[in-house]
C-alpha atoms as a PDB file:
ATOM      1  CA  MET A   1      -8.956  -8.978  11.938  1.00  0.00           C
ATOM      2  CA  ARG A   2      -9.395  -6.656   8.947  1.00  0.00           C
ATOM      3  CA  ILE A   3      -7.971  -3.474   7.427  1.00  0.00           C
ATOM      4  CA  ASP A   4     -10.242  -0.529   6.625  1.00  0.00           C
ATOM      5  CA  ILE A   5      -8.849   2.234   4.372  1.00  0.00           C
ATOM      6  CA  ASP A   6     -10.867   5.442   4.065  1.00  0.00           C
ATOM      7  CA  LEU A   7      -9.801   7.225   0.870  1.00  0.00           C
ATOM      8  CA  GLY A   8     -11.589  10.410   1.931  1.00  0.00           C
ATOM      9  CA  SER A   9      -9.851  10.798   5.280  1.00  0.00           C
ATOM     10  CA  GLN A  10      -6.600   9.129   4.117  1.00  0.00           C
ATOM     11  CA  ARG A  11      -6.610   6.848   7.177  1.00  0.00           C
ATOM     12  CA  LEU A  12      -6.000   3.128   7.608  1.00  0.00           C
ATOM     13  CA  ARG A  13      -7.490   1.311  10.574  1.00  0.00           C
ATOM     14  CA  LEU A  14      -6.640  -2.213  11.709  1.00  0.00           C
ATOM     15  CA  ILE A  15      -9.808  -3.597  13.256  1.00  0.00           C
ATOM     16  CA  ASP A  16     -10.419  -6.691  15.354  1.00  0.00           C
ATOM     17  CA  GLY A  17     -14.145  -7.231  15.866  1.00  0.00           C
ATOM     18  CA  ALA A  18     -15.392  -3.831  17.056  1.00  0.00           C
ATOM     19  CA  ARG A  19     -11.979  -2.685  18.371  1.00  0.00           C
ATOM     20  CA  VAL A  20      -9.615  -0.423  16.450  1.00  0.00           C
ATOM     21  CA  LEU A  21      -6.165  -1.856  17.171  1.00  0.00           C
ATOM     22  CA  ARG A  22      -4.120   0.634  15.145  1.00  0.00           C
ATOM     23  CA  GLU A  23      -4.725   3.702  13.015  1.00  0.00           C
ATOM     24  CA  TYR A  24      -2.252   5.191  10.535  1.00  0.00           C
ATOM     25  CA  PRO A  25      -2.204   8.119   8.107  1.00  0.00           C
ATOM     26  CA  VAL A  26      -1.813   7.004   4.495  1.00  0.00           C
ATOM     27  CA  SER A  27      -1.417   8.485   1.047  1.00  0.00           C
ATOM     28  CA  THR A  28      -3.503   7.014  -1.762  1.00  0.00           C
ATOM     29  CA  ALA A  29      -3.603   7.992  -5.445  1.00  0.00           C
ATOM     30  CA  ALA A  30      -3.173  11.586  -6.538  1.00  0.00           C
ATOM     31  CA  ASN A  31      -5.538  10.639  -9.397  1.00  0.00           C
ATOM     32  CA  GLY A  32      -8.208   9.637  -6.885  1.00  0.00           C
ATOM     33  CA  PRO A  33     -10.184   6.408  -6.681  1.00  0.00           C
ATOM     34  CA  GLY A  34     -10.623   4.140  -9.697  1.00  0.00           C
ATOM     35  CA  GLU A  35     -10.129   0.597 -10.844  1.00  0.00           C
ATOM     36  CA  ILE A  36      -8.989   0.710 -14.487  1.00  0.00           C
ATOM     37  CA  ALA A  37      -5.469  -0.547 -15.271  1.00  0.00           C
ATOM     38  CA  GLY A  38      -3.131   2.315 -16.194  1.00  0.00           C
ATOM     39  CA  SER A  39      -5.313   4.950 -14.490  1.00  0.00           C
ATOM     40  CA  GLY A  40      -2.940   5.635 -11.598  1.00  0.00           C
ATOM     41  CA  CYS A  41      -5.974   5.450  -9.312  1.00  0.00           C
ATOM     42  CA  THR A  42      -6.472   3.573  -6.044  1.00  0.00           C
ATOM     43  CA  PRO A  43      -9.012   0.752  -6.427  1.00  0.00           C
ATOM     44  CA  ARG A  44     -12.061   0.525  -4.224  1.00  0.00           C
ATOM     45  CA  GLY A  45     -13.901  -2.410  -2.737  1.00  0.00           C
ATOM     46  CA  ARG A  46     -13.113  -5.648  -0.945  1.00  0.00           C
ATOM     47  CA  HIS A  47      -9.592  -7.025  -1.250  1.00  0.00           C
ATOM     48  CA  TYR A  48      -7.346  -9.379   0.668  1.00  0.00           C
ATOM     49  CA  ILE A  49      -3.610  -9.573   1.274  1.00  0.00           C
ATOM     50  CA  ARG A  50      -2.380 -12.091  -1.276  1.00  0.00           C
ATOM     51  CA  ALA A  51       1.344 -11.796  -0.516  1.00  0.00           C
ATOM     52  CA  LYS A  52       3.603 -10.357   2.159  1.00  0.00           C
ATOM     53  CA  ILE A  53       7.032  -9.339   0.874  1.00  0.00           C
ATOM     54  CA  GLY A  54      10.081  -8.058   2.745  1.00  0.00           C
ATOM     55  CA  ALA A  55      10.054  -9.914   6.066  1.00  0.00           C
ATOM     56  CA  GLY A  56      13.200  -9.135   8.025  1.00  0.00           C
ATOM     57  CA  LEU A  57      14.463  -6.363   5.737  1.00  0.00           C
ATOM     58  CA  PRO A  58      15.851  -3.229   7.382  1.00  0.00           C
ATOM     59  CA  PRO A  59      13.669  -0.104   7.542  1.00  0.00           C
ATOM     60  CA  GLY A  60      14.018   1.873   4.326  1.00  0.00           C
ATOM     61  CA  ALA A  61      15.015  -1.175   2.244  1.00  0.00           C
ATOM     62  CA  VAL A  62      14.393  -0.345  -1.439  1.00  0.00           C
ATOM     63  CA  LEU A  63      12.153  -2.828  -3.270  1.00  0.00           C
ATOM     64  CA  ARG A  64      11.881  -3.008  -7.072  1.00  0.00           C
ATOM     65  CA  ALA A  65       9.813  -5.654  -8.845  1.00  0.00           C
ATOM     66  CA  ARG A  66       9.087  -7.062  -5.361  1.00  0.00           C
ATOM     67  CA  ARG A  67      12.775  -7.766  -4.666  1.00  0.00           C
ATOM     68  CA  TRP A  68      15.223  -5.985  -2.372  1.00  0.00           C
ATOM     69  CA  THR A  69      17.784  -4.080  -4.437  1.00  0.00           C
ATOM     70  CA  GLY A  70      20.309  -4.215  -1.580  1.00  0.00           C
ATOM     71  CA  GLU A  71      19.878  -0.449  -1.144  1.00  0.00           C
ATOM     72  CA  ILE A  72      18.583   1.498   1.843  1.00  0.00           C
ATOM     73  CA  TRP A  73      16.807   4.753   0.999  1.00  0.00           C
ATOM     74  CA  THR A  74      18.769   7.916   1.760  1.00  0.00           C
ATOM     75  CA  PRO A  75      18.370  11.487   0.504  1.00  0.00           C
ATOM     76  CA  ALA A  76      21.546  10.960  -1.582  1.00  0.00           C
ATOM     77  CA  LEU A  77      20.077   7.834  -3.224  1.00  0.00           C
ATOM     78  CA  HIS A  78      16.855   9.734  -3.835  1.00  0.00           C
ATOM     79  CA  ALA A  79      18.797  12.526  -5.555  1.00  0.00           C
ATOM     80  CA  ARG A  80      20.457   9.960  -7.859  1.00  0.00           C
ATOM     81  CA  TYR A  81      17.049   8.605  -8.966  1.00  0.00           C
ATOM     82  CA  PRO A  82      14.657  11.569  -8.768  1.00  0.00           C
ATOM     83  CA  GLY A  83      11.819  10.019 -10.798  1.00  0.00           C
ATOM     84  CA  ARG A  84      11.660   6.674  -8.988  1.00  0.00           C
ATOM     85  CA  ASP A  85       8.428   5.669  -7.269  1.00  0.00           C
ATOM     86  CA  TRP A  86       9.987   4.544  -3.977  1.00  0.00           C
ATOM     87  CA  ILE A  87       8.619   1.307  -2.504  1.00  0.00           C
ATOM     88  CA  LEU A  88      10.292   0.796   0.852  1.00  0.00           C
ATOM     89  CA  SER A  89      10.543  -1.605   3.800  1.00  0.00           C
ATOM     90  CA  ARG A  90       7.617  -4.005   3.200  1.00  0.00           C
ATOM     91  CA  ILE A  91       4.902  -4.844   0.664  1.00  0.00           C
ATOM     92  CA  LEU A  92       1.399  -6.104   1.380  1.00  0.00           C
ATOM     93  CA  TRP A  93       0.167  -7.036  -2.130  1.00  0.00           C
ATOM     94  CA  LEU A  94      -3.589  -6.768  -2.614  1.00  0.00           C
ATOM     95  CA  CYS A  95      -5.934  -8.976  -4.613  1.00  0.00           C
ATOM     96  CA  GLY A  96      -9.488  -7.901  -5.385  1.00  0.00           C
ATOM     97  CA  CYS A  97     -12.478 -10.020  -4.345  1.00  0.00           C
ATOM     98  CA  GLU A  98     -15.106  -8.548  -6.675  1.00  0.00           C
ATOM     99  CA  PRO A  99     -15.036  -9.793 -10.302  1.00  0.00           C
ATOM    100  CA  GLY A 100     -15.657  -6.927 -12.699  1.00  0.00           C
ATOM    101  CA  ARG A 101     -14.946  -4.309 -10.013  1.00  0.00           C
ATOM    102  CA  ASN A 102     -11.412  -5.011  -8.747  1.00  0.00           C
ATOM    103  CA  ARG A 103     -10.697  -8.522 -10.002  1.00  0.00           C
ATOM    104  CA  LEU A 104     -10.104  -9.911 -13.509  1.00  0.00           C
ATOM    105  CA  GLY A 105      -9.966  -8.054 -16.806  1.00  0.00           C
ATOM    106  CA  CYS A 106      -8.890  -4.414 -16.914  1.00  0.00           C
ATOM    107  CA  VAL A 107      -9.775  -3.827 -13.220  1.00  0.00           C
ATOM    108  CA  ASP A 108      -7.598  -6.495 -11.575  1.00  0.00           C
ATOM    109  CA  SER A 109      -5.890  -4.974  -8.499  1.00  0.00           C
ATOM    110  CA  PHE A 110      -3.394  -7.837  -8.233  1.00  0.00           C
ATOM    111  CA  ARG A 111      -2.275  -7.467 -11.871  1.00  0.00           C
ATOM    112  CA  ARG A 112      -2.104  -3.698 -11.339  1.00  0.00           C
ATOM    113  CA  TYR A 113       0.445  -4.326  -8.545  1.00  0.00           C
ATOM    114  CA  ILE A 114      -1.558  -2.462  -5.911  1.00  0.00           C
ATOM    115  CA  TYR A 115       0.380  -2.576  -2.626  1.00  0.00           C
ATOM    116  CA  LEU A 116       0.426  -1.193   0.862  1.00  0.00           C
ATOM    117  CA  HIS A 117       4.082  -0.163   1.232  1.00  0.00           C
ATOM    118  CA  GLY A 118       6.530   2.124   2.969  1.00  0.00           C
ATOM    119  CA  THR A 119       7.498   5.527   1.608  1.00  0.00           C
ATOM    120  CA  PRO A 120      10.116   8.227   2.157  1.00  0.00           C
ATOM    121  CA  TYR A 121       7.387  10.865   1.713  1.00  0.00           C
ATOM    122  CA  ALA A 122       6.091  10.826   5.298  1.00  0.00           C
ATOM    123  CA  GLU A 123       5.270  14.543   5.095  1.00  0.00           C
ATOM    124  CA  THR A 124       2.669  13.854   2.348  1.00  0.00           C
ATOM    125  CA  LEU A 125       0.750  11.261   4.348  1.00  0.00           C
ATOM    126  CA  GLY A 126      -2.822  12.367   4.863  1.00  0.00           C
ATOM    127  CA  THR A 127      -3.063  13.683   1.280  1.00  0.00           C
ATOM    128  CA  PRO A 128      -3.507  11.743  -1.976  1.00  0.00           C
ATOM    129  CA  GLN A 129      -0.050  11.647  -3.606  1.00  0.00           C
ATOM    130  CA  SER A 130       0.645   8.055  -4.749  1.00  0.00           C
ATOM    131  CA  LYS A 131       0.462   6.445  -8.196  1.00  0.00           C
ATOM    132  CA  GLY A 132      -2.283   4.059  -7.034  1.00  0.00           C
ATOM    133  CA  CYS A 133      -0.799   2.207  -4.063  1.00  0.00           C
ATOM    134  CA  VAL A 134      -1.371   2.951  -0.385  1.00  0.00           C
ATOM    135  CA  ARG A 135       1.728   4.546   1.158  1.00  0.00           C
ATOM    136  CA  LEU A 136       2.554   4.380   4.879  1.00  0.00           C
ATOM    137  CA  ARG A 137       5.445   5.512   7.074  1.00  0.00           C
ATOM    138  CA  ASN A 138       8.142   2.844   7.091  1.00  0.00           C
ATOM    139  CA  GLU A 139       7.692   2.139  10.797  1.00  0.00           C
ATOM    140  CA  ASP A 140       3.918   1.825  10.289  1.00  0.00           C
ATOM    141  CA  ILE A 141       4.108  -0.663   7.391  1.00  0.00           C
ATOM    142  CA  ILE A 142       6.650  -2.736   9.342  1.00  0.00           C
ATOM    143  CA  GLU A 143       4.343  -2.842  12.363  1.00  0.00           C
ATOM    144  CA  LEU A 144       1.267  -3.626  10.251  1.00  0.00           C
ATOM    145  CA  PHE A 145       3.191  -6.322   8.323  1.00  0.00           C
ATOM    146  CA  GLU A 146       3.937  -8.117  11.597  1.00  0.00           C
ATOM    147  CA  LEU A 147       0.328  -7.865  12.822  1.00  0.00           C
ATOM    148  CA  VAL A 148      -1.585  -9.204   9.811  1.00  0.00           C
ATOM    149  CA  PRO A 149      -1.494 -12.646   8.220  1.00  0.00           C
ATOM    150  CA  PRO A 150      -1.889 -13.361   4.511  1.00  0.00           C
ATOM    151  CA  ARG A 151      -5.539 -13.340   3.388  1.00  0.00           C
ATOM    152  CA  THR A 152      -6.438 -10.499   5.801  1.00  0.00           C
ATOM    153  CA  GLU A 153      -9.458  -8.642   4.409  1.00  0.00           C
ATOM    154  CA  VAL A 154      -8.807  -5.090   3.187  1.00  0.00           C
ATOM    155  CA  ASP A 155     -11.666  -2.713   2.377  1.00  0.00           C
ATOM    156  CA  LEU A 156     -10.914   0.482   0.429  1.00  0.00           C
ATOM    157  CA  HIS A 157     -13.756   3.012   0.314  1.00  0.00           C
ATOM    158  CA  GLU A 158     -14.558   6.701  -0.035  1.00  0.00           C
END
Protein backbone atom coordinates (compact mmCIF):
# COMPACT_ATOMS: atom_id res chain seq x y z
CA MET A 1 0.00 0.00 0.00
CA ARG A 2 1.22 3.52 -0.81
CA ILE A 3 0.02 7.12 -0.92
CA ASP A 4 0.36 9.18 -4.11
CA ILE A 5 -0.10 12.97 -3.84
CA ASP A 6 -0.37 14.94 -7.08
CA LEU A 7 0.47 18.59 -6.33
CA GLY A 8 -0.87 19.69 -9.72
CA SER A 9 -4.32 18.17 -9.34
CA GLN A 10 -4.41 18.56 -5.53
CA ARG A 11 -5.46 14.92 -5.12
CA LEU A 12 -4.30 12.15 -2.80
CA ARG A 13 -4.74 8.54 -3.82
CA LEU A 14 -4.29 5.50 -1.57
CA ILE A 15 -3.06 2.72 -3.83
CA ASP A 16 -2.74 -1.01 -3.24
CA GLY A 17 -0.89 -2.65 -6.13
CA ALA A 18 -2.70 -1.34 -9.22
CA ARG A 19 -5.97 -0.57 -7.36
CA VAL A 20 -6.93 2.89 -6.13
CA LEU A 21 -8.56 2.24 -2.75
CA ARG A 22 -9.40 5.85 -1.87
CA GLU A 23 -9.05 9.28 -3.42
CA TYR A 24 -9.32 12.59 -1.55
CA PRO A 25 -9.04 16.28 -2.42
CA VAL A 26 -6.16 17.99 -0.61
CA SER A 27 -4.65 21.42 -0.19
CA THR A 28 -0.87 21.73 -0.42
CA ALA A 29 1.30 24.84 -0.08
CA ALA A 30 0.12 28.21 -1.33
CA ASN A 31 3.83 28.86 -2.04
CA GLY A 32 3.94 25.83 -4.33
CA PRO A 33 6.38 22.93 -4.32
CA GLY A 34 9.82 23.22 -2.73
CA GLU A 35 12.07 21.60 -0.20
CA ILE A 36 13.98 24.37 1.59
CA ALA A 37 13.29 24.87 5.31
CA GLY A 38 11.35 28.08 5.97
CA SER A 39 10.03 28.27 2.38
CA GLY A 40 6.42 27.42 3.23
CA CYS A 41 6.49 25.03 0.28
CA THR A 42 5.35 21.41 0.03
CA PRO A 43 8.30 19.05 -0.48
CA ARG A 44 8.45 16.68 -3.41
CA GLY A 45 9.77 13.16 -3.75
CA ARG A 46 9.65 9.88 -1.88
CA HIS A 47 8.68 9.98 1.79
CA TYR A 48 7.29 7.59 4.36
CA ILE A 49 5.00 7.97 7.36
CA ARG A 50 7.36 8.19 10.32
CA ALA A 51 4.73 8.80 13.01
CA LYS A 52 0.97 8.60 13.43
CA ILE A 53 -0.40 11.02 16.02
CA GLY A 54 -3.93 11.43 17.37
CA ALA A 55 -5.37 7.91 17.48
CA GLY A 56 -8.77 7.93 19.14
CA LEU A 57 -9.15 11.72 19.31
CA PRO A 58 -12.53 13.18 18.39
CA PRO A 59 -13.00 14.75 14.95
CA GLY A 60 -11.87 18.36 15.01
CA ALA A 61 -9.46 17.84 17.94
CA VAL A 62 -6.94 20.71 17.93
CA LEU A 63 -3.29 19.62 17.85
CA ARG A 64 -0.38 21.95 18.68
CA ALA A 65 3.22 20.75 18.82
CA ARG A 66 1.82 17.27 18.08
CA ARG A 67 -0.26 17.22 21.28
CA TRP A 68 -4.01 17.55 21.78
CA THR A 69 -4.81 20.90 23.39
CA GLY A 70 -8.08 19.53 24.80
CA GLU A 71 -9.97 21.79 22.38
CA ILE A 72 -12.33 20.87 19.56
CA TRP A 73 -12.37 23.29 16.63
CA THR A 74 -15.45 25.50 16.39
CA PRO A 75 -16.07 28.76 14.52
CA ALA A 76 -16.01 30.55 17.92
CA LEU A 77 -12.58 29.07 18.76
CA HIS A 78 -11.38 30.03 15.29
CA ALA A 79 -12.52 33.62 15.86
CA ARG A 80 -10.54 33.75 19.13
CA TYR A 81 -7.32 32.69 17.33
CA PRO A 82 -7.63 34.06 13.79
CA GLY A 83 -3.97 33.62 12.79
CA ARG A 84 -3.56 30.01 13.95
CA ASP A 85 -2.60 27.37 11.40
CA TRP A 86 -5.19 24.77 12.43
CA ILE A 87 -3.96 21.17 12.63
CA LEU A 88 -6.96 18.99 13.41
CA SER A 89 -8.01 15.40 14.12
CA ARG A 90 -4.91 13.38 13.13
CA ILE A 91 -1.30 13.81 12.00
CA LEU A 92 0.64 11.58 9.61
CA TRP A 93 4.20 12.95 9.98
CA LEU A 94 6.38 12.54 6.90
CA CYS A 95 10.07 11.73 6.64
CA GLY A 96 11.96 12.13 3.37
CA CYS A 97 13.81 9.21 1.77
CA GLU A 98 16.12 11.15 -0.55
CA PRO A 99 19.24 12.69 1.07
CA GLY A 100 19.88 16.15 -0.32
CA ARG A 101 16.36 16.40 -1.78
CA ASN A 102 13.95 15.93 1.15
CA ARG A 103 16.14 14.46 3.87
CA LEU A 104 18.97 15.95 5.96
CA GLY A 105 20.33 19.48 5.94
CA CYS A 106 18.10 22.39 4.95
CA VAL A 107 15.68 20.14 2.99
CA ASP A 108 14.66 17.69 5.74
CA SER A 109 10.87 17.15 5.57
CA PHE A 110 10.75 15.56 9.03
CA ARG A 111 12.55 18.51 10.67
CA ARG A 112 10.27 20.86 8.71
CA TYR A 113 7.27 19.19 10.41
CA ILE A 114 5.57 18.27 7.14
CA TYR A 115 2.30 16.48 7.96
CA LEU A 116 -0.84 15.16 6.39
CA HIS A 117 -3.51 16.54 8.75
CA GLY A 118 -7.11 17.60 9.12
CA THR A 119 -8.29 21.15 8.48
CA PRO A 120 -11.35 23.33 9.07
CA TYR A 121 -10.87 24.82 5.58
CA ALA A 122 -12.70 22.10 3.64
CA GLU A 123 -13.91 24.65 1.09
CA THR A 124 -10.28 25.35 0.02
CA LEU A 125 -9.44 21.72 -0.70
CA GLY A 126 -8.46 21.28 -4.32
CA THR A 127 -6.44 24.53 -4.30
CA PRO A 128 -2.99 25.21 -2.83
CA GLN A 129 -3.60 27.08 0.45
CA SER A 130 -1.44 25.47 3.17
CA LYS A 131 1.85 26.57 4.73
CA GLY A 132 3.62 23.44 3.44
CA CYS A 133 1.64 20.53 4.87
CA VAL A 134 -1.01 18.47 3.09
CA ARG A 135 -4.49 19.33 4.39
CA LEU A 136 -7.46 16.95 4.22
CA ARG A 137 -11.06 17.00 5.43
CA ASN A 138 -11.21 15.77 9.02
CA GLU A 139 -13.24 12.70 8.08
CA ASP A 140 -10.76 11.89 5.30
CA ILE A 141 -7.62 12.10 7.48
CA ILE A 142 -9.33 9.97 10.14
CA GLU A 143 -10.20 7.32 7.55
CA LEU A 144 -6.73 7.41 5.98
CA PHE A 145 -5.09 7.26 9.44
CA GLU A 146 -6.92 4.00 10.16
CA LEU A 147 -6.02 2.48 6.77
CA VAL A 148 -2.25 3.06 6.67
CA PRO A 149 0.47 1.71 8.93
CA PRO A 150 3.63 3.57 9.92
CA ARG A 151 6.33 3.43 7.21
CA THR A 152 3.73 3.62 4.39
CA GLU A 153 5.40 5.11 1.31
CA VAL A 154 4.22 8.59 0.30
CA ASP A 155 5.15 10.11 -3.06
CA LEU A 156 4.59 13.84 -3.62
CA HIS A 157 4.95 15.01 -7.23
CA GLU A 158 3.85 17.65 -9.71
